[in-house]
C-alpha atoms as a PDB file:
ATOM      1  CA  MET A   1      19.644 111.817 262.180  1.00  0.00           C
ATOM      2  CA  TRP A   2      22.646 112.153 264.704  1.00  0.00           C
ATOM      3  CA  SER A   3      21.634 114.432 267.931  1.00  0.00           C
ATOM      4  CA  ILE A   4      24.385 115.291 270.221  1.00  0.00           C
ATOM      5  CA  ILE A   5      23.577 114.439 273.974  1.00  0.00           C
ATOM      6  CA  THR A   6      26.818 115.328 275.662  1.00  0.00           C
ATOM      7  CA  GLU A   7      30.158 116.371 274.349  1.00  0.00           C
ATOM      8  CA  HIS A   8      31.270 113.061 272.984  1.00  0.00           C
ATOM      9  CA  ILE A   9      28.230 111.143 272.488  1.00  0.00           C
ATOM     10  CA  GLU A  10      25.694 111.213 269.719  1.00  0.00           C
ATOM     11  CA  ILE A  11      22.382 109.408 269.334  1.00  0.00           C
ATOM     12  CA  ASP A  12      20.406 108.470 266.077  1.00  0.00           C
ATOM     13  CA  ARG A  13      16.788 107.266 267.523  1.00  0.00           C
ATOM     14  CA  GLU A  14      15.570 106.291 264.027  1.00  0.00           C
ATOM     15  CA  GLN A  15      18.696 103.791 263.426  1.00  0.00           C
ATOM     16  CA  ARG A  16      18.845 103.303 267.296  1.00  0.00           C
ATOM     17  CA  CYS A  17      22.488 103.877 267.137  1.00  0.00           C
ATOM     18  CA  VAL A  18      25.177 105.599 269.586  1.00  0.00           C
ATOM     19  CA  ARG A  19      28.605 106.936 268.772  1.00  0.00           C
ATOM     20  CA  LYS A  20      31.223 108.021 270.614  1.00  0.00           C
ATOM     21  CA  ASP A  21      33.878 110.362 269.190  1.00  0.00           C
ATOM     22  CA  GLY A  22      32.219 109.278 265.752  1.00  0.00           C
ATOM     23  CA  GLU A  23      32.926 105.512 266.546  1.00  0.00           C
ATOM     24  CA  VAL A  24      29.561 103.665 266.604  1.00  0.00           C
ATOM     25  CA  VAL A  25      29.059 102.010 270.263  1.00  0.00           C
ATOM     26  CA  HIS A  26      27.567  98.596 270.484  1.00  0.00           C
ATOM     27  CA  LEU A  27      24.886  98.463 272.737  1.00  0.00           C
ATOM     28  CA  THR A  28      22.071  95.532 273.822  1.00  0.00           C
ATOM     29  CA  GLY A  29      18.707  96.541 273.266  1.00  0.00           C
ATOM     30  CA  LEU A  30      18.371  97.453 276.932  1.00  0.00           C
ATOM     31  CA  GLU A  31      21.125  99.374 277.221  1.00  0.00           C
ATOM     32  CA  TYR A  32      20.117 101.460 274.306  1.00  0.00           C
ATOM     33  CA  GLY A  33      16.636 101.614 275.745  1.00  0.00           C
ATOM     34  CA  LEU A  34      17.610 103.053 279.123  1.00  0.00           C
ATOM     35  CA  LEU A  35      19.825 105.620 277.402  1.00  0.00           C
ATOM     36  CA  ASP A  36      17.133 106.575 274.942  1.00  0.00           C
ATOM     37  CA  TYR A  37      14.664 107.254 277.986  1.00  0.00           C
ATOM     38  CA  LEU A  38      16.880 108.817 280.060  1.00  0.00           C
ATOM     39  CA  THR A  39      18.000 111.424 277.417  1.00  0.00           C
ATOM     40  CA  ALA A  40      14.580 111.866 276.052  1.00  0.00           C
ATOM     41  CA  HIS A  41      13.512 112.916 279.678  1.00  0.00           C
ATOM     42  CA  ALA A  42      16.957 115.048 280.604  1.00  0.00           C
ATOM     43  CA  ASN A  43      17.172 116.982 283.941  1.00  0.00           C
ATOM     44  CA  ARG A  44      13.876 115.048 285.309  1.00  0.00           C
ATOM     45  CA  LEU A  45      13.895 112.191 287.731  1.00  0.00           C
ATOM     46  CA  CYS A  46      12.974 109.081 286.181  1.00  0.00           C
ATOM     47  CA  THR A  47      12.102 106.429 288.762  1.00  0.00           C
ATOM     48  CA  ARG A  48      12.715 102.561 288.724  1.00  0.00           C
ATOM     49  CA  LEU A  49       9.215 101.525 288.106  1.00  0.00           C
ATOM     50  CA  GLU A  50       8.961 103.989 285.473  1.00  0.00           C
ATOM     51  CA  LEU A  51      12.140 102.621 283.413  1.00  0.00           C
ATOM     52  CA  LEU A  52      11.365  99.105 284.160  1.00  0.00           C
ATOM     53  CA  ASP A  53       7.590  99.859 282.653  1.00  0.00           C
ATOM     54  CA  HIS A  54       8.780 101.772 279.687  1.00  0.00           C
ATOM     55  CA  VAL A  55      12.055  99.908 278.907  1.00  0.00           C
ATOM     56  CA  TRP A  56      11.870  96.396 279.916  1.00  0.00           C
ATOM     57  CA  GLY A  57       7.967  96.517 279.654  1.00  0.00           C
ATOM     58  CA  PRO A  58       5.147  95.861 282.066  1.00  0.00           C
ATOM     59  CA  ARG A  59       5.280  92.214 281.839  1.00  0.00           C
ATOM     60  CA  PHE A  60       8.847  92.260 283.678  1.00  0.00           C
ATOM     61  CA  GLN A  61       9.106  91.046 286.814  1.00  0.00           C
ATOM     62  CA  TYR A  62      10.645  93.743 289.084  1.00  0.00           C
ATOM     63  CA  ASP A  63      14.284  92.926 290.419  1.00  0.00           C
ATOM     64  CA  PRO A  64      15.966  96.043 291.862  1.00  0.00           C
ATOM     65  CA  GLY A  65      19.282  95.021 290.615  1.00  0.00           C
ATOM     66  CA  THR A  66      18.456  94.695 286.787  1.00  0.00           C
ATOM     67  CA  ILE A  67      18.888  98.679 286.283  1.00  0.00           C
ATOM     68  CA  ASP A  68      22.040  98.786 287.975  1.00  0.00           C
ATOM     69  CA  VAL A  69      23.615  95.866 285.988  1.00  0.00           C
ATOM     70  CA  HIS A  70      22.721  97.476 282.656  1.00  0.00           C
ATOM     71  CA  LEU A  71      23.419 100.868 283.638  1.00  0.00           C
ATOM     72  CA  ASN A  72      27.025  99.817 284.951  1.00  0.00           C
ATOM     73  CA  ALA A  73      27.461  98.328 281.360  1.00  0.00           C
ATOM     74  CA  LEU A  74      26.072 101.459 279.831  1.00  0.00           C
ATOM     75  CA  ARG A  75      28.661 104.053 281.553  1.00  0.00           C
ATOM     76  CA  ARG A  76      31.411 101.721 281.039  1.00  0.00           C
ATOM     77  CA  LYS A  77      31.055 101.381 277.375  1.00  0.00           C
ATOM     78  CA  LEU A  78      30.782 105.359 277.172  1.00  0.00           C
ATOM     79  CA  GLY A  79      33.313 106.247 279.607  1.00  0.00           C
ATOM     80  CA  TRP A  80      30.877 107.617 281.987  1.00  0.00           C
ATOM     81  CA  SER A  81      31.404 108.300 285.968  1.00  0.00           C
ATOM     82  CA  LYS A  82      29.174 106.599 288.177  1.00  0.00           C
ATOM     83  CA  SER A  83      27.664 110.121 288.815  1.00  0.00           C
ATOM     84  CA  ARG A  84      27.723 111.869 285.692  1.00  0.00           C
ATOM     85  CA  PRO A  85      25.980 112.483 283.341  1.00  0.00           C
ATOM     86  CA  ILE A  86      23.719 109.868 284.631  1.00  0.00           C
ATOM     87  CA  GLU A  87      22.891 110.523 288.517  1.00  0.00           C
ATOM     88  CA  THR A  88      21.698 107.617 290.562  1.00  0.00           C
ATOM     89  CA  ILE A  89      19.307 109.161 293.301  1.00  0.00           C
ATOM     90  CA  ARG A  90      18.878 106.705 295.960  1.00  0.00           C
ATOM     91  CA  GLY A  91      15.681 105.512 296.678  1.00  0.00           C
ATOM     92  CA  ALA A  92      14.240 107.622 293.980  1.00  0.00           C
ATOM     93  CA  GLY A  93      15.525 106.845 290.458  1.00  0.00           C
ATOM     94  CA  LEU A  94      17.813 108.085 287.893  1.00  0.00           C
ATOM     95  CA  ILE A  95      18.640 111.481 286.374  1.00  0.00           C
ATOM     96  CA  PHE A  96      20.274 112.292 283.070  1.00  0.00           C
ATOM     97  CA  ARG A  97      21.784 115.928 283.663  1.00  0.00           C
ATOM     98  CA  VAL A  98      22.580 118.365 281.098  1.00  0.00           C
ATOM     99  CA  GLU A  99      23.838 121.591 281.441  1.00  0.00           C
ATOM    100  CA  LYS A 100      22.586 124.342 279.446  1.00  0.00           C
ATOM    101  CA  PRO A 101      25.102 124.973 276.631  1.00  0.00           C
ATOM    102  CA  VAL A 102      26.472 128.599 277.129  1.00  0.00           C
ATOM    103  CA  GLU A 103      26.234 130.949 274.544  1.00  0.00           C
ATOM    104  CA  ARG A 104      28.918 133.586 273.637  1.00  0.00           C
ATOM    105  CA  TYR A 105      28.014 136.941 272.151  1.00  0.00           C
ATOM    106  CA  THR A 106      30.513 139.492 270.913  1.00  0.00           C
ATOM    107  CA  ILE A 107      29.622 142.961 272.289  1.00  0.00           C
ATOM    108  CA  ASP A 108      31.061 146.020 271.021  1.00  0.00           C
ATOM    109  CA  LEU A 109      31.149 147.717 274.501  1.00  0.00           C
ATOM    110  CA  GLN A 110      31.901 151.136 273.695  1.00  0.00           C
ATOM    111  CA  THR A 111      28.953 151.065 271.113  1.00  0.00           C
ATOM    112  CA  PHE A 112      26.653 149.180 273.456  1.00  0.00           C
ATOM    113  CA  LEU A 113      27.196 151.555 276.360  1.00  0.00           C
ATOM    114  CA  ALA A 114      26.927 154.597 274.554  1.00  0.00           C
ATOM    115  CA  GLU A 115      23.590 153.526 272.945  1.00  0.00           C
ATOM    116  CA  TRP A 116      22.413 152.458 276.624  1.00  0.00           C
ATOM    117  CA  LEU A 117      23.461 155.962 278.049  1.00  0.00           C
ATOM    118  CA  GLN A 118      21.760 157.404 275.088  1.00  0.00           C
ATOM    119  CA  SER A 119      18.543 155.434 275.872  1.00  0.00           C
ATOM    120  CA  HIS A 120      18.531 156.834 279.622  1.00  0.00           C
ATOM    121  CA  GLU A 121      19.604 160.592 278.605  1.00  0.00           C
ATOM    122  CA  VAL A 122      16.603 162.116 279.960  1.00  0.00           C
ATOM    123  CA  ASP A 123      16.897 160.328 283.212  1.00  0.00           C
ATOM    124  CA  ILE A 124      20.673 161.194 283.387  1.00  0.00           C
ATOM    125  CA  THR A 125      20.279 164.844 282.449  1.00  0.00           C
ATOM    126  CA  SER A 126      17.496 165.305 284.674  1.00  0.00           C
ATOM    127  CA  ALA A 127      19.443 164.286 287.954  1.00  0.00           C
ATOM    128  CA  GLY A 128      22.080 167.188 286.598  1.00  0.00           C
ATOM    129  CA  LEU A 129      24.774 164.389 285.542  1.00  0.00           C
ATOM    130  CA  THR A 130      26.943 163.970 282.410  1.00  0.00           C
ATOM    131  CA  ALA A 131      28.326 160.701 281.526  1.00  0.00           C
ATOM    132  CA  GLN A 132      31.809 159.440 280.767  1.00  0.00           C
ATOM    133  CA  LEU A 133      33.243 156.020 279.548  1.00  0.00           C
ATOM    134  CA  GLN A 134      36.255 154.648 280.895  1.00  0.00           C
ATOM    135  CA  LEU A 135      36.542 151.287 279.507  1.00  0.00           C
ATOM    136  CA  THR A 136      39.140 148.724 279.392  1.00  0.00           C
ATOM    137  CA  PRO A 137      40.447 148.448 276.000  1.00  0.00           C
ATOM    138  CA  PHE A 138      40.150 145.039 273.705  1.00  0.00           C
ATOM    139  CA  VAL A 139      37.407 143.400 275.722  1.00  0.00           C
ATOM    140  CA  ASN A 140      34.621 142.693 273.061  1.00  0.00           C
ATOM    141  CA  GLU A 141      33.388 139.342 274.005  1.00  0.00           C
ATOM    142  CA  LEU A 142      31.712 138.236 276.979  1.00  0.00           C
ATOM    143  CA  THR A 143      29.421 135.340 277.914  1.00  0.00           C
ATOM    144  CA  ILE A 144      26.594 137.267 278.565  1.00  0.00           C
ATOM    145  CA  ALA A 145      23.150 138.181 276.305  1.00  0.00           C
ATOM    146  CA  PRO A 146      22.983 141.849 275.760  1.00  0.00           C
ATOM    147  CA  ASP A 147      19.640 142.100 276.671  1.00  0.00           C
ATOM    148  CA  ALA A 148      20.411 140.669 280.172  1.00  0.00           C
ATOM    149  CA  LEU A 149      23.412 143.129 280.453  1.00  0.00           C
ATOM    150  CA  ARG A 150      20.995 145.975 279.699  1.00  0.00           C
ATOM    151  CA  ARG A 151      18.394 144.884 282.149  1.00  0.00           C
ATOM    152  CA  MET A 152      21.093 144.842 284.804  1.00  0.00           C
ATOM    153  CA  LEU A 153      22.721 148.109 283.976  1.00  0.00           C
ATOM    154  CA  ASP A 154      19.119 149.451 284.105  1.00  0.00           C
ATOM    155  CA  GLY A 155      18.575 147.960 287.592  1.00  0.00           C
ATOM    156  CA  ILE A 156      21.822 149.519 288.713  1.00  0.00           C
ATOM    157  CA  LEU A 157      21.196 153.076 287.349  1.00  0.00           C
ATOM    158  CA  MET A 158      17.547 153.192 288.594  1.00  0.00           C
ATOM    159  CA  ALA A 159      18.748 152.184 292.086  1.00  0.00           C
ATOM    160  CA  LEU A 160      21.467 155.081 291.869  1.00  0.00           C
ATOM    161  CA  LEU A 161      19.717 158.043 290.237  1.00  0.00           C
ATOM    162  CA  PRO A 162      17.508 158.808 293.314  1.00  0.00           C
ATOM    163  CA  ALA A 163      20.254 159.940 295.524  1.00  0.00           C
ATOM    164  CA  ALA A 164      22.271 161.372 292.781  1.00  0.00           C
ATOM    165  CA  GLN A 165      23.283 164.993 293.063  1.00  0.00           C
ATOM    166  CA  SER A 166      24.839 167.141 290.017  1.00  0.00           C
ATOM    167  CA  GLY A 167      28.013 165.808 288.792  1.00  0.00           C
ATOM    168  CA  VAL A 168      29.463 163.002 286.879  1.00  0.00           C
ATOM    169  CA  LEU A 169      27.868 159.625 286.099  1.00  0.00           C
ATOM    170  CA  ARG A 170      31.094 157.611 285.227  1.00  0.00           C
ATOM    171  CA  LEU A 171      30.974 153.880 283.720  1.00  0.00           C
ATOM    172  CA  SER A 172      34.495 151.932 283.868  1.00  0.00           C
ATOM    173  CA  SER A 173      35.941 148.557 283.417  1.00  0.00           C
ATOM    174  CA  LYS A 174      38.741 146.278 284.629  1.00  0.00           C
ATOM    175  CA  LEU A 175      39.774 142.754 283.550  1.00  0.00           C
ATOM    176  CA  THR A 176      41.660 140.156 285.804  1.00  0.00           C
ATOM    177  CA  MET A 177      41.816 136.397 284.991  1.00  0.00           C
ATOM    178  CA  GLN A 178      38.657 135.658 286.555  1.00  0.00           C
ATOM    179  CA  HIS A 179      36.394 138.732 285.949  1.00  0.00           C
ATOM    180  CA  PHE A 180      35.186 141.568 283.655  1.00  0.00           C
ATOM    181  CA  THR A 181      34.087 144.235 285.931  1.00  0.00           C
ATOM    182  CA  LEU A 182      31.760 147.240 285.026  1.00  0.00           C
ATOM    183  CA  SER A 183      31.776 149.667 287.324  1.00  0.00           C
ATOM    184  CA  MET A 184      28.883 152.606 287.539  1.00  0.00           C
ATOM    185  CA  ASP A 185      30.222 155.704 289.563  1.00  0.00           C
ATOM    186  CA  ILE A 186      27.740 158.465 290.523  1.00  0.00           C
ATOM    187  CA  ASN A 187      29.582 160.988 292.614  1.00  0.00           C
ATOM    188  CA  GLY A 188      31.508 158.391 294.629  1.00  0.00           C
ATOM    189  CA  THR A 189      28.647 155.910 294.943  1.00  0.00           C
ATOM    190  CA  ILE A 190      29.798 152.823 292.999  1.00  0.00           C
ATOM    191  CA  SER A 191      28.218 149.710 292.096  1.00  0.00           C
ATOM    192  CA  ASP A 192      29.995 146.879 290.251  1.00  0.00           C
ATOM    193  CA  LEU A 193      28.677 144.504 287.835  1.00  0.00           C
ATOM    194  CA  ARG A 194      31.039 141.371 287.702  1.00  0.00           C
ATOM    195  CA  ILE A 195      31.139 138.999 284.699  1.00  0.00           C
ATOM    196  CA  PRO A 196      32.868 136.191 285.021  1.00  0.00           C
ATOM    197  CA  ILE A 197      35.191 134.879 281.776  1.00  0.00           C
ATOM    198  CA  SER A 198      32.748 132.098 281.883  1.00  0.00           C
ATOM    199  CA  GLY A 199      29.172 131.373 283.733  1.00  0.00           C
ATOM    200  CA  ASP A 200      26.858 133.606 285.302  1.00  0.00           C
ATOM    201  CA  PHE A 201      27.128 137.357 286.230  1.00  0.00           C
ATOM    202  CA  ASP A 202      26.595 139.104 289.687  1.00  0.00           C
ATOM    203  CA  ALA A 203      26.260 142.533 290.742  1.00  0.00           C
ATOM    204  CA  SER A 204      27.254 144.185 294.004  1.00  0.00           C
END
């Protein structure tokens, strides 16, 4: 059964086989063992002694250059650089770094925000506020989970409400090449939630 370990590389641990862009890559037993162990322990430092013990075996006599020889051959065959995705930590060991895949969510913002405002209707009306939505059209797909967006909006609203006076709570948005920005404005007190086109988001 094939498992994706990077964008172009797959591994079948049952068959001890590796493919690059669908083509089988011929690895030696030690090259495969090194790759198998590092990828099975992704994002964790594996010491050289640990690798020698699990890949070469406990009877192997330690040679500090052995791992590097096979690692260089492995990188060359898979087209990897000297630092990614296998990173050498001098004096410590190796790490196979895997970035968490980005999930994309399609959010109907008009509906999402209308429902969110409704869920806070008591708090908003108690502060003497009426709510308005003025959103940039055609922005539906954001790289952010709805629950995360909801929690961030909750935090901003709860921070702004204590100082609010009767008036308008306005939610507006704008889109640039880098960010989609949601702005929460209560009578001129504004807090922005910037959502990059890809990646994490932040508030200010």
